[in-house]
Amino acid sequence: MKINRDKITRLRLAITGTPGVGKHTCAKILCKKLDLELIDINKTIIENNCVAKIDKTNGNEINQKKAKKVLKKVMDFEKRFVVVGHLAPYVMESTDVDLIIVLRRNPYQLRKIYKKRRYSASKIKENVSSEILGITSYDVLKVFGKRKVAEIDITNDNIEKNVEKIEKIVNKQSIKEFGKIDWLSLIYENKDVDILLNKL
C-alpha cells in the first residue's frame, strides 16, 4: 500500500504496547516508508537524565514529570513523527499526538520472547500479566481517549503486514478498532490461568 507522503504535512503518531510486541521494529520501518522522524521514548529519557532510579532486574524508575517536559520539547520541533515506547501513556498527554496505536501480542508468544531475553521470573510475570489484562490499552484509553486510540493484534502476521495495518489506519483506509482483543478468554479456554499468571 502506498501513501502520498507529500500530502501528509502533519502526522503526529505514537506506537506503544507491552515490551516485546514489536513496537520499535514497526516504528523504524514506518518512519523509513513515510519519511517521518523517530522519537524513541526510552532513548530520550536516558539521554536527558530522566532516570530516577536504576534497576537492571525489574526496570528503571523514571522521573515522569521531567520526562514529560523533555518529550514535549522534542515533539514541539517536529510536525511529522512517530514516538515509540511502552511508557507513552505515562509520559505523554492527549494533545501530544493525533493518533496512538497499541500493539498487542499473544501472551504465549510474549513469554517465549521474554525467556529468550533472559528476563527475571518476576519481570516475565509482570509483563505477561499486563498484556493479558490489557493494562497498557486501558492506560492509553484513559490518557488519550477512544477517538485517538487503535489496537492492532500483531500475533499472526509478519512485520511488513503489521506496518501495512498501521498505514491503513493512518491513511483512514481502515477503521480504528479498540477493545476486541481478549487474551483472558483465551487462557481460560486453555486452562492456563495459573501457568501464565502465577507460575511463570
Protein backbone atom coordinates (compact mmCIF):
# COMPACT_ATOMS: atom_id res chain seq x y z
CA MET A 1 0.00 0.00 0.00
CA LYS A 2 1.26 3.46 -0.91
CA ILE A 3 0.66 6.74 0.86
CA ASN A 4 1.45 10.03 -0.82
CA ARG A 5 3.84 11.40 1.78
CA ASP A 6 3.84 14.84 0.10
CA LYS A 7 0.18 15.27 1.03
CA ILE A 8 0.86 14.46 4.69
CA THR A 9 2.04 17.79 6.08
CA ARG A 10 1.35 16.78 9.68
CA LEU A 11 1.46 13.31 11.19
CA ARG A 12 1.94 13.02 14.93
CA LEU A 13 1.74 9.32 15.74
CA ALA A 14 2.61 7.20 18.79
CA ILE A 15 3.15 3.44 18.91
CA THR A 16 3.06 1.70 22.27
CA GLY A 17 2.37 -1.67 23.87
CA THR A 18 3.80 -4.17 26.32
CA PRO A 19 7.57 -4.80 25.94
CA GLY A 20 8.24 -7.41 23.24
CA VAL A 21 5.30 -6.68 20.94
CA GLY A 22 7.45 -5.23 18.14
CA LYS A 23 6.94 -1.50 18.62
CA HIS A 24 10.41 -0.31 17.63
CA THR A 25 10.70 -2.61 14.62
CA CYS A 26 7.35 -1.42 13.22
CA ALA A 27 8.14 2.22 14.02
CA LYS A 28 11.51 2.14 12.23
CA ILE A 29 10.02 0.65 9.05
CA LEU A 30 7.10 3.07 9.12
CA CYS A 31 9.41 6.07 9.55
CA LYS A 32 11.52 4.97 6.60
CA LYS A 33 8.49 4.43 4.37
CA LEU A 34 6.79 7.71 5.21
CA ASP A 35 9.88 9.83 5.84
CA LEU A 36 8.97 10.51 9.48
CA GLU A 37 11.14 11.43 12.44
CA LEU A 38 11.56 8.63 15.00
CA ILE A 39 11.37 9.67 18.65
CA ASP A 40 12.38 6.83 20.97
CA ILE A 41 10.97 7.45 24.46
CA ASN A 42 13.48 5.20 26.25
CA LYS A 43 16.45 6.75 24.44
CA THR A 44 15.18 10.30 25.05
CA ILE A 45 14.67 9.59 28.75
CA ILE A 46 18.19 8.19 29.19
CA GLU A 47 19.89 10.92 27.15
CA ASN A 48 18.17 13.64 29.19
CA ASN A 49 18.80 12.13 32.63
CA CYS A 50 15.16 11.36 33.38
CA VAL A 51 16.01 8.09 35.15
CA ALA A 52 15.34 8.48 38.87
CA LYS A 53 16.50 5.01 39.91
CA ILE A 54 18.38 2.31 38.01
CA ASP A 55 17.09 -1.25 38.42
CA LYS A 56 18.52 -3.69 35.86
CA THR A 57 16.39 -6.55 37.16
CA ASN A 58 12.89 -5.07 37.13
CA GLY A 59 13.30 -1.92 35.06
CA ASN A 60 14.40 1.62 35.80
CA GLU A 61 12.27 4.11 37.70
CA ILE A 62 11.81 7.33 35.77
CA ASN A 63 11.14 10.92 36.71
CA GLN A 64 7.77 11.20 34.93
CA LYS A 65 7.42 14.96 35.35
CA LYS A 66 10.83 15.64 33.85
CA ALA A 67 10.33 13.06 31.10
CA LYS A 68 7.04 14.71 30.05
CA LYS A 69 8.70 18.12 29.74
CA VAL A 70 11.65 16.76 27.75
CA LEU A 71 9.47 14.78 25.34
CA LYS A 72 7.13 17.71 24.78
CA LYS A 73 10.09 19.90 23.77
CA VAL A 74 11.32 17.25 21.34
CA MET A 75 7.87 16.76 19.80
CA ASP A 76 7.24 20.51 19.50
CA PHE A 77 10.11 20.70 16.99
CA GLU A 78 8.55 18.12 14.69
CA LYS A 79 5.33 18.08 12.65
CA ARG A 80 5.79 14.57 11.24
CA PHE A 81 6.95 11.94 13.70
CA VAL A 82 6.42 8.56 15.30
CA VAL A 83 7.09 8.46 19.03
CA VAL A 84 7.59 4.91 20.29
CA GLY A 85 7.82 3.23 23.69
CA HIS A 86 5.87 1.31 26.32
CA LEU A 87 5.94 4.37 28.59
CA ALA A 88 3.84 6.51 26.21
CA PRO A 89 0.70 6.67 28.39
CA TYR A 90 2.77 7.70 31.42
CA VAL A 91 4.95 10.42 29.92
CA MET A 92 2.66 11.91 27.25
CA GLU A 93 -0.58 13.88 27.08
CA SER A 94 -3.53 13.56 24.72
CA THR A 95 -2.62 16.77 22.87
CA ASP A 96 0.87 15.47 22.02
CA VAL A 97 -0.32 13.21 19.18
CA ASP A 98 -3.15 12.81 16.69
CA LEU A 99 -3.22 9.02 16.89
CA ILE A 100 -1.78 6.32 19.16
CA ILE A 101 -1.52 2.66 18.15
CA VAL A 102 -1.39 -0.05 20.82
CA LEU A 103 0.27 -3.20 19.52
CA ARG A 104 -0.91 -6.42 21.17
CA ARG A 105 0.70 -9.87 21.07
CA ASN A 106 -0.49 -13.30 22.19
CA PRO A 107 0.85 -13.86 25.76
CA TYR A 108 2.20 -17.30 24.84
CA GLN A 109 4.47 -15.69 22.24
CA LEU A 110 5.45 -12.94 24.68
CA ARG A 111 6.52 -15.44 27.30
CA LYS A 112 8.88 -17.10 24.80
CA ILE A 113 10.32 -13.70 23.82
CA TYR A 114 10.96 -12.77 27.46
CA LYS A 115 12.68 -16.06 28.16
CA LYS A 116 14.97 -15.50 25.15
CA ARG A 117 15.73 -12.04 26.52
CA ARG A 118 16.50 -13.66 29.89
CA TYR A 119 14.04 -11.54 31.83
CA SER A 120 13.74 -12.38 35.51
CA ALA A 121 10.77 -14.54 36.56
CA SER A 122 9.11 -11.56 38.25
CA LYS A 123 9.59 -9.36 35.18
CA ILE A 124 8.13 -12.05 32.89
CA LYS A 125 5.12 -12.44 35.18
CA GLU A 126 4.56 -8.69 35.38
CA ASN A 127 4.71 -8.12 31.62
CA VAL A 128 2.70 -11.19 30.59
CA SER A 129 0.03 -10.38 33.17
CA SER A 130 -0.06 -6.79 31.92
CA GLU A 131 -0.65 -7.96 28.33
CA ILE A 132 -3.34 -10.47 29.36
CA LEU A 133 -5.23 -7.84 31.32
CA GLY A 134 -4.71 -5.11 28.70
CA ILE A 135 -3.13 -2.69 31.17
CA THR A 136 -1.36 -0.60 28.52
CA SER A 137 -4.54 -0.33 26.45
CA TYR A 138 -6.52 0.76 29.49
CA ASP A 139 -3.93 3.39 30.46
CA VAL A 140 -3.72 4.67 26.87
CA LEU A 141 -7.51 4.97 26.68
CA LYS A 142 -7.57 6.87 29.96
CA VAL A 143 -5.00 9.43 28.74
CA PHE A 144 -5.77 9.80 25.03
CA GLY A 145 -9.47 8.97 24.74
CA LYS A 146 -11.08 6.42 22.41
CA ARG A 147 -11.17 8.77 19.39
CA LYS A 148 -7.35 8.74 19.15
CA VAL A 149 -6.68 5.09 20.03
CA ALA A 150 -6.44 1.93 17.92
CA GLU A 151 -5.38 -1.60 18.87
CA ILE A 152 -3.67 -4.00 16.46
CA ASP A 153 -3.12 -7.72 17.07
CA ILE A 154 0.30 -8.39 15.54
CA THR A 155 0.47 -12.05 16.58
CA ASN A 156 -0.15 -13.89 13.31
CA ASP A 157 1.37 -11.55 10.70
CA ASN A 158 4.91 -10.59 9.73
CA ILE A 159 6.38 -7.12 10.33
CA GLU A 160 5.58 -5.83 6.83
CA LYS A 161 1.92 -6.83 7.17
CA ASN A 162 1.65 -5.21 10.58
CA VAL A 163 3.21 -1.99 9.31
CA GLU A 164 0.67 -2.05 6.50
CA LYS A 165 -2.13 -2.30 9.10
CA ILE A 166 -0.78 0.86 10.76
CA GLU A 167 -0.52 2.63 7.39
CA LYS A 168 -4.14 1.83 6.58
CA ILE A 169 -5.30 3.34 9.86
CA VAL A 170 -3.12 6.41 9.32
CA ASN A 171 -4.48 6.80 5.79
CA LYS A 172 -8.06 6.24 7.02
CA GLN A 173 -8.43 3.19 4.78
CA SER A 174 -9.11 1.02 7.81
CA ILE A 175 -11.40 1.61 10.79
CA LYS A 176 -9.75 2.09 14.17
CA GLU A 177 -10.67 -0.82 16.43
CA PHE A 178 -10.41 -0.98 20.20
CA GLY A 179 -11.47 -3.45 22.88
CA LYS A 180 -11.83 -6.54 20.69
CA ILE A 181 -8.61 -8.30 21.78
CA ASP A 182 -9.30 -10.65 24.69
CA TRP A 183 -6.38 -12.78 25.88
CA LEU A 184 -8.11 -13.57 29.18
CA SER A 185 -10.78 -15.64 27.46
CA LEU A 186 -8.03 -17.46 25.53
CA ILE A 187 -6.11 -18.55 28.59
CA TYR A 188 -9.31 -19.53 30.44
CA GLU A 189 -10.26 -21.65 27.44
CA ASN A 190 -6.81 -23.28 27.53
CA LYS A 191 -6.98 -23.64 31.35
CA ASP A 192 -3.66 -21.83 31.65
CA VAL A 193 -4.53 -19.13 34.16
CA ASP A 194 -2.19 -20.50 36.83
CA ILE A 195 0.65 -21.03 34.36
CA LEU A 196 0.53 -17.56 32.84
CA LEU A 197 -0.37 -15.52 35.89
CA ASN A 198 1.15 -17.38 38.84
CA LYS A 199 3.75 -19.96 37.84
CA LEU A 200 5.94 -18.36 35.16
